[in-house]
Amino acid sequence: MNKSTGLDLVFSSYESLGPRKYVLTIFIFLVYSVATLANIFIMLVIYLESSLHKPMYIFLFNLICSGLLGSSAVWPKVLSNLLTDWHTSSYEGCLLQVYLLSIYAACTYSTLTVMAYDRYVSICKPLQYHIIMNPSKIRMWLMLSNLVPVFSIAGQIYLTSRIPLCSRTLNKLFCDNLSIINISCGAGSLGILSNVYGLLIIVCLSVLPTFLILLSYVKIISVSLKVSKNSQSKALGTCLPHLIIFINYSIATVFSVIYNRLTVLMSSEMNVFISFQVTLLPPLLHPVIYGVRTKEIRKCTVKITQRLCASTNCYYTSKLKEPKIFAIS
């Protein structure tokens, strides 16, 4: 039986923020709210517009869902800790947060990999695109990109939960798997098994997807060099949003690795900055990059906005034109 069950973990990073926590609370609330609303709006645009029911936008919908999962797993709890004097989390709640964050990280990589494959087929095998990326294949890719991380990470969380803790203090704003491992007692063979399994997950769900994405772009570039300038610009236009998000997320992952290993040496300001970089900025950039860089989404966004404005104007106009009936006493 794990004696850690029922304990509260304490986040020590909040204590060093002082009065700055009020400014930080407003900033986090505004950025998190804007990012959430923007992502939900893009999801609605994709859902409502039948012209966007294509593989690239279906995978984008899935990418946005994973981004919302990651940010929502962290920032409401961080805001709650900032607004109270109790900077704690239950051990079970901490494990749940680690689980959701890990799913967000792994699903983002797997979805970006599937999106890269979609771009590769579109550019390198255009005549076979609708055969390769048919509805059944899309469902298969979506299931694999979501279910593989969900079940594989569940095994990691189970192993982590079996290791007893030797401390209750985390020098973080929120929970992550390595921080829990660092305050655990090791537990001999169980600790080694957890580390080996965690390394295997990193290789399969992070390193391998990165390699496949880079390989896809090598193939895309090699094919693009053989076509006209106009075709090259079109290929670049369809790939650029995905490439920007992949580069940004890879940088965020590198920051996360540094953050997890050098937390004790970091100032509170750097601690907060890297927390933003890992879990808040990537979800915020999804609607910005795809909304600005993708012509089809821009057109559909304008169309839906005009439709909403027109319906609102019609509603108020009809209200103004309604005859007023006065009761005669």
Foldseek 3Di string as FASTA:
>chain_A
DAPLAPDKFAAPLLVVCPPVLVVVLVVLVVLLVLLVVLLVLLLVLCVVDPVNPDLLSVLLNQLLVLLNQLQVLARVLLSVVSVDVGRIDGPVSQLVSQLSNQLSLLLNLLSLLVNLVLLLCCQVPVVCNCVCPPPVNSVVSSCCSRVVSNVLVVVLSVLLSRFYFQDRYFNASGHHSLSSLVRTPCPPPSNVVSVVSVVVCCCVRPVVSVVSSVVSVVSNVVSLVPDDPVSVVVSCLSCVLSVVLVVLQVVLVVLVVCCSPCSVVDHSVSRVVSVCSHRRVSSSVSSVSCCPSPPVNVVSSVVVVVVVVVVVVVVVVVVVPDDDDDDDD
